[in-house]
Amino acid sequence: MSCGEPHETDCSEVLDHLYEFLDREMPEGDCTKFEVHFEECSPCLEKYGLEQAVKKLVKRCCGQDDVPTDLRSKVMGRIDLIRSGQAVPEQDVALGGADRPAAAAE
């Protein structure tokens, strides 16, 4: 995704590292770059707001103490697959994740 406008920090870089920003897992200098980007790029700001809302909803509905261990392991495994490039998030959601047919996974 790109808004079509030139930015010091490219939209694709911002979106690729959005969860690191949300989770405060990046250096302060990178956080500042992202904040500047959000000020000038409404599509990325909208995506950030959506992901932030989803994260808050998940936290509220599934507090860490209430999540079954096996579910937590499955979710973390899926996140690892997506980060490694072995799974595509949009396909996982659309096709039901790990339960999708093998042909759809290719």
PDB file of N, CA and C in Angstrom:
ATOM      1  N   MET A   1       0.843  -1.180   0.000  1.00  0.00           N
ATOM      2  CA  MET A   1       0.000   0.000   0.000  1.00  0.00           C
ATOM      3  C   MET A   1       0.883   1.235   0.000  1.00  0.00           C
ATOM      4  N   SER A   2       0.448   2.206  -0.726  1.00  0.00           N
ATOM      5  CA  SER A   2       1.132   3.487  -0.736  1.00  0.00           C
ATOM      6  C   SER A   2       0.102   4.556  -1.055  1.00  0.00           C
ATOM      7  N   CYS A   3       0.292   5.704  -0.456  1.00  0.00           N
ATOM      8  CA  CYS A   3      -0.641   6.806  -0.711  1.00  0.00           C
ATOM      9  C   CYS A   3      -0.282   7.532  -1.998  1.00  0.00           C
ATOM     10  N   GLY A   4       0.860   7.200  -2.590  1.00  0.00           N
ATOM     11  CA  GLY A   4       1.285   7.839  -3.826  1.00  0.00           C
ATOM     12  C   GLY A   4       2.106   9.098  -3.614  1.00  0.00           C
ATOM     13  N   GLU A   5       2.242   9.526  -2.387  1.00  0.00           N
ATOM     14  CA  GLU A   5       3.019  10.723  -2.070  1.00  0.00           C
ATOM     15  C   GLU A   5       4.412  10.304  -1.601  1.00  0.00           C
ATOM     16  N   PRO A   6       5.432  11.099  -1.923  1.00  0.00           N
ATOM     17  CA  PRO A   6       6.772  10.776  -1.425  1.00  0.00           C
ATOM     18  C   PRO A   6       6.905  11.113   0.063  1.00  0.00           C
ATOM     19  N   HIS A   7       7.506  10.212   0.797  1.00  0.00           N
ATOM     20  CA  HIS A   7       7.739  10.408   2.224  1.00  0.00           C
ATOM     21  C   HIS A   7       9.176  10.044   2.530  1.00  0.00           C
ATOM     22  N   GLU A   8       9.706  10.607   3.587  1.00  0.00           N
ATOM     23  CA  GLU A   8      11.059  10.253   4.014  1.00  0.00           C
ATOM     24  C   GLU A   8      11.136   8.759   4.334  1.00  0.00           C
ATOM     25  N   THR A   9      10.095   8.239   4.992  1.00  0.00           N
ATOM     26  CA  THR A   9       9.989   6.818   5.292  1.00  0.00           C
ATOM     27  C   THR A   9       8.875   6.257   4.423  1.00  0.00           C
ATOM     28  N   ASP A  10       9.196   5.284   3.590  1.00  0.00           N
ATOM     29  CA  ASP A  10       8.241   4.718   2.644  1.00  0.00           C
ATOM     30  C   ASP A  10       7.085   4.018   3.355  1.00  0.00           C
ATOM     31  N   CYS A  11       5.905   4.100   2.770  1.00  0.00           N
ATOM     32  CA  CYS A  11       4.717   3.460   3.342  1.00  0.00           C
ATOM     33  C   CYS A  11       4.934   1.969   3.571  1.00  0.00           C
ATOM     34  N   SER A  12       5.573   1.297   2.628  1.00  0.00           N
ATOM     35  CA  SER A  12       5.769  -0.152   2.774  1.00  0.00           C
ATOM     36  C   SER A  12       6.635  -0.475   3.986  1.00  0.00           C
ATOM     37  N   GLU A  13       7.630   0.347   4.267  1.00  0.00           N
ATOM     38  CA  GLU A  13       8.462   0.132   5.455  1.00  0.00           C
ATOM     39  C   GLU A  13       7.638   0.316   6.727  1.00  0.00           C
ATOM     40  N   VAL A  14       6.806   1.336   6.741  1.00  0.00           N
ATOM     41  CA  VAL A  14       5.969   1.599   7.907  1.00  0.00           C
ATOM     42  C   VAL A  14       5.030   0.426   8.149  1.00  0.00           C
ATOM     43  N   LEU A  15       4.372  -0.037   7.103  1.00  0.00           N
ATOM     44  CA  LEU A  15       3.405  -1.122   7.258  1.00  0.00           C
ATOM     45  C   LEU A  15       4.081  -2.450   7.575  1.00  0.00           C
ATOM     46  N   ASP A  16       5.282  -2.671   7.047  1.00  0.00           N
ATOM     47  CA  ASP A  16       6.022  -3.903   7.349  1.00  0.00           C
ATOM     48  C   ASP A  16       6.414  -3.991   8.818  1.00  0.00           C
ATOM     49  N   HIS A  17       6.582  -2.844   9.457  1.00  0.00           N
ATOM     50  CA  HIS A  17       7.038  -2.814  10.852  1.00  0.00           C
ATOM     51  C   HIS A  17       5.995  -2.223  11.794  1.00  0.00           C
ATOM     52  N   LEU A  18       4.734  -2.223  11.361  1.00  0.00           N
ATOM     53  CA  LEU A  18       3.672  -1.604  12.133  1.00  0.00           C
ATOM     54  C   LEU A  18       3.503  -2.246  13.508  1.00  0.00           C
ATOM     55  N   TYR A  19       3.576  -3.574  13.574  1.00  0.00           N
ATOM     56  CA  TYR A  19       3.379  -4.237  14.872  1.00  0.00           C
ATOM     57  C   TYR A  19       4.548  -3.986  15.815  1.00  0.00           C
ATOM     58  N   GLU A  20       5.735  -3.841  15.269  1.00  0.00           N
ATOM     59  CA  GLU A  20       6.875  -3.481  16.122  1.00  0.00           C
ATOM     60  C   GLU A  20       6.643  -2.098  16.727  1.00  0.00           C
ATOM     61  N   PHE A  21       6.083  -1.194  15.940  1.00  0.00           N
ATOM     62  CA  PHE A  21       5.761   0.140  16.437  1.00  0.00           C
ATOM     63  C   PHE A  21       4.663   0.061  17.496  1.00  0.00           C
ATOM     64  N   LEU A  22       3.595  -0.662  17.182  1.00  0.00           N
ATOM     65  CA  LEU A  22       2.485  -0.809  18.126  1.00  0.00           C
ATOM     66  C   LEU A  22       2.929  -1.430  19.443  1.00  0.00           C
ATOM     67  N   ASP A  23       3.835  -2.392  19.365  1.00  0.00           N
ATOM     68  CA  ASP A  23       4.299  -3.109  20.556  1.00  0.00           C
ATOM     69  C   ASP A  23       5.493  -2.438  21.218  1.00  0.00           C
ATOM     70  N   ARG A  24       5.909  -1.302  20.674  1.00  0.00           N
ATOM     71  CA  ARG A  24       7.058  -0.555  21.202  1.00  0.00           C
ATOM     72  C   ARG A  24       8.309  -1.423  21.264  1.00  0.00           C
ATOM     73  N   GLU A  25       8.538  -2.127  20.150  1.00  0.00           N
ATOM     74  CA  GLU A  25       9.689  -3.030  20.046  1.00  0.00           C
ATOM     75  C   GLU A  25      10.719  -2.514  19.061  1.00  0.00           C
ATOM     76  N   MET A  26      10.778  -1.202  18.889  1.00  0.00           N
ATOM     77  CA  MET A  26      11.757  -0.622  17.964  1.00  0.00           C
ATOM     78  C   MET A  26      12.458   0.544  18.645  1.00  0.00           C
ATOM     79  N   PRO A  27      13.635   0.887  18.139  1.00  0.00           N
ATOM     80  CA  PRO A  27      14.377   2.008  18.721  1.00  0.00           C
ATOM     81  C   PRO A  27      13.572   3.314  18.648  1.00  0.00           C
ATOM     82  N   GLU A  28      13.825   4.196  19.591  1.00  0.00           N
ATOM     83  CA  GLU A  28      13.099   5.464  19.686  1.00  0.00           C
ATOM     84  C   GLU A  28      13.203   6.277  18.389  1.00  0.00           C
ATOM     85  N   GLY A  29      14.354   6.265  17.759  1.00  0.00           N
ATOM     86  CA  GLY A  29      14.531   7.012  16.504  1.00  0.00           C
ATOM     87  C   GLY A  29      13.603   6.514  15.410  1.00  0.00           C
ATOM     88  N   ASP A  30      13.414   5.196  15.335  1.00  0.00           N
ATOM     89  CA  ASP A  30      12.495   4.635  14.344  1.00  0.00           C
ATOM     90  C   ASP A  30      11.051   4.997  14.698  1.00  0.00           C
ATOM     91  N   CYS A  31      10.726   4.986  15.983  1.00  0.00           N
ATOM     92  CA  CYS A  31       9.379   5.386  16.415  1.00  0.00           C
ATOM     93  C   CYS A  31       9.088   6.813  15.971  1.00  0.00           C
ATOM     94  N   THR A  32      10.054   7.677  16.120  1.00  0.00           N
ATOM     95  CA  THR A  32       9.889   9.071  15.720  1.00  0.00           C
ATOM     96  C   THR A  32       9.642   9.179  14.217  1.00  0.00           C
ATOM     97  N   LYS A  33      10.397   8.406  13.411  1.00  0.00           N
ATOM     98  CA  LYS A  33      10.191   8.398  11.955  1.00  0.00           C
ATOM     99  C   LYS A  33       8.765   7.972  11.619  1.00  0.00           C
ATOM    100  N   PHE A  34       8.274   6.958  12.316  1.00  0.00           N
ATOM    101  CA  PHE A  34       6.930   6.457  12.052  1.00  0.00           C
ATOM    102  C   PHE A  34       5.886   7.496  12.448  1.00  0.00           C
ATOM    103  N   GLU A  35       6.086   8.153  13.571  1.00  0.00           N
ATOM    104  CA  GLU A  35       5.139   9.181  14.020  1.00  0.00           C
ATOM    105  C   GLU A  35       5.060  10.311  13.002  1.00  0.00           C
ATOM    106  N   VAL A  36       6.215  10.731  12.466  1.00  0.00           N
ATOM    107  CA  VAL A  36       6.243  11.772  11.437  1.00  0.00           C
ATOM    108  C   VAL A  36       5.487  11.282  10.204  1.00  0.00           C
ATOM    109  N   HIS A  37       5.709  10.025   9.831  1.00  0.00           N
ATOM    110  CA  HIS A  37       5.032   9.461   8.665  1.00  0.00           C
ATOM    111  C   HIS A  37       3.516   9.483   8.857  1.00  0.00           C
ATOM    112  N   PHE A  38       3.049   9.078  10.041  1.00  0.00           N
ATOM    113  CA  PHE A  38       1.613   9.062  10.297  1.00  0.00           C
ATOM    114  C   PHE A  38       1.011  10.462  10.228  1.00  0.00           C
ATOM    115  N   GLU A  39       1.771  11.478  10.599  1.00  0.00           N
ATOM    116  CA  GLU A  39       1.281  12.855  10.543  1.00  0.00           C
ATOM    117  C   GLU A  39       1.032  13.314   9.111  1.00  0.00           C
ATOM    118  N   GLU A  40       1.790  12.754   8.163  1.00  0.00           N
ATOM    119  CA  GLU A  40       1.672  13.215   6.777  1.00  0.00           C
ATOM    120  C   GLU A  40       1.014  12.206   5.847  1.00  0.00           C
ATOM    121  N   CYS A  41       0.658  11.023   6.338  1.00  0.00           N
ATOM    122  CA  CYS A  41       0.113   9.983   5.468  1.00  0.00           C
ATOM    123  C   CYS A  41      -1.159   9.408   6.077  1.00  0.00           C
ATOM    124  N   SER A  42      -2.292   9.878   5.609  1.00  0.00           N
ATOM    125  CA  SER A  42      -3.563   9.437   6.194  1.00  0.00           C
ATOM    126  C   SER A  42      -3.877   7.960   5.956  1.00  0.00           C
ATOM    127  N   PRO A  43      -3.534   7.354   4.801  1.00  0.00           N
ATOM    128  CA  PRO A  43      -3.807   5.911   4.660  1.00  0.00           C
ATOM    129  C   PRO A  43      -3.045   5.066   5.689  1.00  0.00           C
ATOM    130  N   CYS A  44      -1.796   5.402   5.948  1.00  0.00           N
ATOM    131  CA  CYS A  44      -1.022   4.658   6.946  1.00  0.00           C
ATOM    132  C   CYS A  44      -1.546   4.937   8.352  1.00  0.00           C
ATOM    133  N   LEU A  45      -1.950   6.172   8.607  1.00  0.00           N
ATOM    134  CA  LEU A  45      -2.527   6.514   9.903  1.00  0.00           C
ATOM    135  C   LEU A  45      -3.817   5.726  10.129  1.00  0.00           C
ATOM    136  N   GLU A  46      -4.619   5.587   9.083  1.00  0.00           N
ATOM    137  CA  GLU A  46      -5.857   4.817   9.185  1.00  0.00           C
ATOM    138  C   GLU A  46      -5.560   3.346   9.485  1.00  0.00           C
ATOM    139  N   LYS A  47      -4.579   2.782   8.788  1.00  0.00           N
ATOM    140  CA  LYS A  47      -4.186   1.387   9.027  1.00  0.00           C
ATOM    141  C   LYS A  47      -3.662   1.223  10.454  1.00  0.00           C
ATOM    142  N   TYR A  48      -2.863   2.162  10.905  1.00  0.00           N
ATOM    143  CA  TYR A  48      -2.348   2.144  12.275  1.00  0.00           C
ATOM    144  C   TYR A  48      -3.501   2.162  13.270  1.00  0.00           C
ATOM    145  N   GLY A  49      -4.462   3.051  13.058  1.00  0.00           N
ATOM    146  CA  GLY A  49      -5.604   3.147  13.959  1.00  0.00           C
ATOM    147  C   GLY A  49      -6.410   1.864  13.999  1.00  0.00           C
ATOM    148  N   LEU A  50      -6.598   1.240  12.849  1.00  0.00           N
ATOM    149  CA  LEU A  50      -7.334  -0.019  12.784  1.00  0.00           C
ATOM    150  C   LEU A  50      -6.602  -1.120  13.544  1.00  0.00           C
ATOM    151  N   GLU A  51      -5.316  -1.249  13.300  1.00  0.00           N
ATOM    152  CA  GLU A  51      -4.536  -2.292  13.976  1.00  0.00           C
ATOM    153  C   GLU A  51      -4.463  -2.035  15.482  1.00  0.00           C
ATOM    154  N   GLN A  52      -4.386  -0.782  15.870  1.00  0.00           N
ATOM    155  CA  GLN A  52      -4.368  -0.428  17.286  1.00  0.00           C
ATOM    156  C   GLN A  52      -5.693  -0.807  17.943  1.00  0.00           C
ATOM    157  N   ALA A  53      -6.799  -0.558  17.256  1.00  0.00           N
ATOM    158  CA  ALA A  53      -8.120  -0.904  17.788  1.00  0.00           C
ATOM    159  C   ALA A  53      -8.276  -2.417  17.916  1.00  0.00           C
ATOM    160  N   VAL A  54      -7.813  -3.165  16.915  1.00  0.00           N
ATOM    161  CA  VAL A  54      -7.885  -4.627  16.968  1.00  0.00           C
ATOM    162  C   VAL A  54      -7.059  -5.150  18.136  1.00  0.00           C
ATOM    163  N   LYS A  55      -5.879  -4.593  18.306  1.00  0.00           N
ATOM    164  CA  LYS A  55      -5.010  -5.028  19.401  1.00  0.00           C
ATOM    165  C   LYS A  55      -5.680  -4.774  20.757  1.00  0.00           C
ATOM    166  N   LYS A  56      -6.302  -3.614  20.916  1.00  0.00           N
ATOM    167  CA  LYS A  56      -6.998  -3.303  22.174  1.00  0.00           C
ATOM    168  C   LYS A  56      -8.170  -4.253  22.400  1.00  0.00           C
ATOM    169  N   LEU A  57      -8.910  -4.542  21.338  1.00  0.00           N
ATOM    170  CA  LEU A  57     -10.050  -5.449  21.442  1.00  0.00           C
ATOM    171  C   LEU A  57      -9.607  -6.846  21.851  1.00  0.00           C
ATOM    172  N   VAL A  58      -8.560  -7.338  21.222  1.00  0.00           N
ATOM    173  CA  VAL A  58      -8.036  -8.671  21.558  1.00  0.00           C
ATOM    174  C   VAL A  58      -7.570  -8.694  23.007  1.00  0.00           C
ATOM    175  N   LYS A  59      -6.884  -7.652  23.424  1.00  0.00           N
ATOM    176  CA  LYS A  59      -6.401  -7.602  24.804  1.00  0.00           C
ATOM    177  C   LYS A  59      -7.563  -7.594  25.790  1.00  0.00           C
ATOM    178  N   ARG A  60      -8.598  -6.824  25.465  1.00  0.00           N
ATOM    179  CA  ARG A  60      -9.749  -6.744  26.351  1.00  0.00           C
ATOM    180  C   ARG A  60     -10.512  -8.070  26.415  1.00  0.00           C
ATOM    181  N   CYS A  61     -10.674  -8.711  25.267  1.00  0.00           N
ATOM    182  CA  CYS A  61     -11.462  -9.944  25.201  1.00  0.00           C
ATOM    183  C   CYS A  61     -10.670 -11.183  25.579  1.00  0.00           C
ATOM    184  N   CYS A  62      -9.397 -11.140  25.395  1.00  0.00           N
ATOM    185  CA  CYS A  62      -8.560 -12.325  25.606  1.00  0.00           C
ATOM    186  C   CYS A  62      -7.351 -11.960  26.448  1.00  0.00           C
ATOM    187  N   GLY A  63      -7.569 -11.493  27.647  1.00  0.00           N
ATOM    188  CA  GLY A  63      -6.455 -11.163  28.533  1.00  0.00           C
ATOM    189  C   GLY A  63      -5.478 -12.326  28.605  1.00  0.00           C
ATOM    190  N   GLN A  64      -4.221 -12.055  28.742  1.00  0.00           N
ATOM    191  CA  GLN A  64      -3.192 -13.105  28.688  1.00  0.00           C
ATOM    192  C   GLN A  64      -3.459 -14.231  29.676  1.00  0.00           C
ATOM    193  N   ASP A  65      -4.005 -13.931  30.848  1.00  0.00           N
ATOM    194  CA  ASP A  65      -4.250 -14.972  31.834  1.00  0.00           C
ATOM    195  C   ASP A  65      -5.388 -15.888  31.430  1.00  0.00           C
ATOM    196  N   ASP A  66      -6.298 -15.413  30.562  1.00  0.00           N
ATOM    197  CA  ASP A  66      -7.477 -16.176  30.182  1.00  0.00           C
ATOM    198  C   ASP A  66      -7.283 -17.025  28.929  1.00  0.00           C
ATOM    199  N   VAL A  67      -6.181 -16.851  28.218  1.00  0.00           N
ATOM    200  CA  VAL A  67      -5.963 -17.551  26.960  1.00  0.00           C
ATOM    201  C   VAL A  67      -5.437 -18.957  27.237  1.00  0.00           C
ATOM    202  N   PRO A  68      -6.144 -19.977  26.697  1.00  0.00           N
ATOM    203  CA  PRO A  68      -5.642 -21.343  26.865  1.00  0.00           C
ATOM    204  C   PRO A  68      -4.252 -21.491  26.248  1.00  0.00           C
ATOM    205  N   THR A  69      -3.412 -22.274  26.881  1.00  0.00           N
ATOM    206  CA  THR A  69      -2.028 -22.448  26.443  1.00  0.00           C
ATOM    207  C   THR A  69      -1.952 -22.942  25.002  1.00  0.00           C
ATOM    208  N   ASP A  70      -2.798 -23.899  24.620  1.00  0.00           N
ATOM    209  CA  ASP A  70      -2.732 -24.432  23.261  1.00  0.00           C
ATOM    210  C   ASP A  70      -3.135 -23.376  22.222  1.00  0.00           C
ATOM    211  N   LEU A  71      -4.111 -22.534  22.539  1.00  0.00           N
ATOM    212  CA  LEU A  71      -4.499 -21.464  21.622  1.00  0.00           C
ATOM    213  C   LEU A  71      -3.372 -20.455  21.478  1.00  0.00           C
ATOM    214  N   ARG A  72      -2.769 -20.083  22.596  1.00  0.00           N
ATOM    215  CA  ARG A  72      -1.651 -19.138  22.555  1.00  0.00           C
ATOM    216  C   ARG A  72      -0.519 -19.696  21.698  1.00  0.00           C
ATOM    217  N   SER A  73      -0.213 -20.983  21.838  1.00  0.00           N
ATOM    218  CA  SER A  73       0.849 -21.620  21.055  1.00  0.00           C
ATOM    219  C   SER A  73       0.520 -21.599  19.563  1.00  0.00           C
ATOM    220  N   LYS A  74      -0.743 -21.880  19.218  1.00  0.00           N
ATOM    221  CA  LYS A  74      -1.152 -21.861  17.803  1.00  0.00           C
ATOM    222  C   LYS A  74      -1.025 -20.461  17.220  1.00  0.00           C
ATOM    223  N   VAL A  75      -1.480 -19.465  17.961  1.00  0.00           N
ATOM    224  CA  VAL A  75      -1.403 -18.088  17.471  1.00  0.00           C
ATOM    225  C   VAL A  75       0.050 -17.664  17.295  1.00  0.00           C
ATOM    226  N   MET A  76       0.882 -17.963  18.287  1.00  0.00           N
ATOM    227  CA  MET A  76       2.295 -17.585  18.190  1.00  0.00           C
ATOM    228  C   MET A  76       2.973 -18.326  17.032  1.00  0.00           C
ATOM    229  N   GLY A  77       2.603 -19.580  16.814  1.00  0.00           N
ATOM    230  CA  GLY A  77       3.151 -20.334  15.679  1.00  0.00           C
ATOM    231  C   GLY A  77       2.757 -19.716  14.354  1.00  0.00           C
ATOM    232  N   ARG A  78       1.510 -19.270  14.248  1.00  0.00           N
ATOM    233  CA  ARG A  78       1.033 -18.630  13.017  1.00  0.00           C
ATOM    234  C   ARG A  78       1.766 -17.311  12.792  1.00  0.00           C
ATOM    235  N   ILE A  79       1.967 -16.551  13.851  1.00  0.00           N
ATOM    236  CA  ILE A  79       2.708 -15.290  13.736  1.00  0.00           C
ATOM    237  C   ILE A  79       4.128 -15.554  13.256  1.00  0.00           C
ATOM    238  N   ASP A  80       4.770 -16.573  13.794  1.00  0.00           N
ATOM    239  CA  ASP A  80       6.130 -16.923  13.359  1.00  0.00           C
ATOM    240  C   ASP A  80       6.150 -17.296  11.879  1.00  0.00           C
ATOM    241  N   LEU A  81       5.140 -18.059  11.413  1.00  0.00           N
ATOM    242  CA  LEU A  81       5.066 -18.436   9.995  1.00  0.00           C
ATOM    243  C   LEU A  81       4.896 -17.209   9.110  1.00  0.00           C
ATOM    244  N   ILE A  82       4.030 -16.303   9.531  1.00  0.00           N
ATOM    245  CA  ILE A  82       3.804 -15.093   8.741  1.00  0.00           C
ATOM    246  C   ILE A  82       5.067 -14.248   8.685  1.00  0.00           C
ATOM    247  N   ARG A  83       5.737 -14.089   9.814  1.00  0.00           N
ATOM    248  CA  ARG A  83       6.974 -13.293   9.841  1.00  0.00           C
ATOM    249  C   ARG A  83       8.063 -13.911   8.988  1.00  0.00           C
ATOM    250  N   SER A  84       8.099 -15.251   8.914  1.00  0.00           N
ATOM    251  CA  SER A  84       9.137 -15.923   8.127  1.00  0.00           C
ATOM    252  C   SER A  84       8.798 -15.952   6.648  1.00  0.00           C
ATOM    253  N   GLY A  85       7.571 -15.542   6.296  1.00  0.00           N
ATOM    254  CA  GLY A  85       7.166 -15.525   4.901  1.00  0.00           C
ATOM    255  C   GLY A  85       6.579 -16.839   4.429  1.00  0.00           C
ATOM    256  N   GLN A  86       6.368 -17.793   5.312  1.00  0.00           N
ATOM    257  CA  GLN A  86       5.825 -19.094   4.930  1.00  0.00           C
ATOM    258  C   GLN A  86       4.303 -19.097   4.882  1.00  0.00           C
ATOM    259  N   ALA A  87       3.672 -18.038   5.367  1.00  0.00           N
ATOM    260  CA  ALA A  87       2.218 -17.932   5.329  1.00  0.00           C
ATOM    261  C   ALA A  87       1.859 -16.498   4.994  1.00  0.00           C
ATOM    262  N   VAL A  88       0.764 -16.319   4.291  1.00  0.00           N
ATOM    263  CA  VAL A  88       0.300 -14.996   3.914  1.00  0.00           C
ATOM    264  C   VAL A  88      -0.907 -14.667   4.779  1.00  0.00           C
ATOM    265  N   PRO A  89      -0.846 -13.591   5.571  1.00  0.00           N
ATOM    266  CA  PRO A  89      -1.920 -13.282   6.512  1.00  0.00           C
ATOM    267  C   PRO A  89      -3.297 -13.182   5.869  1.00  0.00           C
ATOM    268  N   GLU A  90      -3.417 -12.519   4.714  1.00  0.00           N
ATOM    269  CA  GLU A  90      -4.725 -12.349   4.084  1.00  0.00           C
ATOM    270  C   GLU A  90      -5.332 -13.692   3.718  1.00  0.00           C
ATOM    271  N   GLN A  91      -4.514 -14.622   3.233  1.00  0.00           N
ATOM    272  CA  GLN A  91      -5.015 -15.945   2.885  1.00  0.00           C
ATOM    273  C   GLN A  91      -5.438 -16.689   4.137  1.00  0.00           C
ATOM    274  N   ASP A  92      -4.674 -16.575   5.196  1.00  0.00           N
ATOM    275  CA  ASP A  92      -5.002 -17.266   6.432  1.00  0.00           C
ATOM    276  C   ASP A  92      -6.369 -16.846   6.935  1.00  0.00           C
ATOM    277  N   VAL A  93      -6.646 -15.563   6.908  1.00  0.00           N
ATOM    278  CA  VAL A  93      -7.927 -15.059   7.400  1.00  0.00           C
ATOM    279  C   VAL A  93      -9.046 -15.505   6.468  1.00  0.00           C
ATOM    280  N   ALA A  94      -8.845 -15.329   5.169  1.00  0.00           N
ATOM    281  CA  ALA A  94      -9.896 -15.631   4.207  1.00  0.00           C
ATOM    282  C   ALA A  94     -10.205 -17.121   4.118  1.00  0.00           C
ATOM    283  N   LEU A  95      -9.216 -17.958   4.316  1.00  0.00           N
ATOM    284  CA  LEU A  95      -9.399 -19.389   4.144  1.00  0.00           C
ATOM    285  C   LEU A  95      -9.450 -20.163   5.443  1.00  0.00           C
ATOM    286  N   GLY A  96      -9.506 -19.494   6.549  1.00  0.00           N
ATOM    287  CA  GLY A  96      -9.658 -20.188   7.815  1.00  0.00           C
ATOM    288  C   GLY A  96      -8.385 -20.665   8.436  1.00  0.00           C
ATOM    289  N   GLY A  97      -7.265 -20.085   8.102  1.00  0.00           N
ATOM    290  CA  GLY A  97      -6.003 -20.396   8.773  1.00  0.00           C
ATOM    291  C   GLY A  97      -5.506 -21.794   8.517  1.00  0.00           C
ATOM    292  N   ALA A  98      -5.074 -22.480   9.583  1.00  0.00           N
ATOM    293  CA  ALA A  98      -4.427 -23.780   9.479  1.00  0.00           C
ATOM    294  C   ALA A  98      -5.379 -24.846   8.944  1.00  0.00           C
ATOM    295  N   ASP A  99      -6.666 -24.627   9.000  1.00  0.00           N
ATOM    296  CA  ASP A  99      -7.635 -25.617   8.569  1.00  0.00           C
ATOM    297  C   ASP A  99      -7.923 -25.537   7.077  1.00  0.00           C
ATOM    298  N   ARG A 100      -7.274 -24.639   6.363  1.00  0.00           N
ATOM    299  CA  ARG A 100      -7.548 -24.477   4.952  1.00  0.00           C
ATOM    300  C   ARG A 100      -7.050 -25.681   4.165  1.00  0.00           C
ATOM    301  N   PRO A 101      -7.627 -25.936   2.993  1.00  0.00           N
ATOM    302  CA  PRO A 101      -7.198 -27.075   2.166  1.00  0.00           C
ATOM    303  C   PRO A 101      -5.762 -26.899   1.704  1.00  0.00           C
ATOM    304  N   ALA A 102      -5.058 -28.004   1.523  1.00  0.00           N
ATOM    305  CA  ALA A 102      -3.643 -27.964   1.135  1.00  0.00           C
ATOM    306  C   ALA A 102      -3.462 -27.252  -0.186  1.00  0.00           C
ATOM    307  N   ALA A 103      -4.374 -27.426  -1.142  1.00  0.00           N
ATOM    308  CA  ALA A 103      -4.245 -26.779  -2.443  1.00  0.00           C
ATOM    309  C   ALA A 103      -4.298 -25.266  -2.321  1.00  0.00           C
ATOM    310  N   ALA A 104      -5.063 -24.750  -1.380  1.00  0.00           N
ATOM    311  CA  ALA A 104      -5.159 -23.313  -1.192  1.00  0.00           C
ATOM    312  C   ALA A 104      -3.913 -22.727  -0.574  1.00  0.00           C
ATOM    313  N   ALA A 105      -3.130 -23.563   0.104  1.00  0.00           N
ATOM    314  CA  ALA A 105      -1.938 -23.090   0.777  1.00  0.00           C
ATOM    315  C   ALA A 105      -0.815 -22.802  -0.198  1.00  0.00           C
ATOM    316  N   GLU A 106      -0.891 -23.335  -1.397  1.00  0.00           N
ATOM    317  CA  GLU A 106       0.186 -23.171  -2.378  1.00  0.00           C
ATOM    318  C   GLU A 106       0.102 -21.844  -3.054  1.00  0.00           C
TER     319      GLU A 106
END
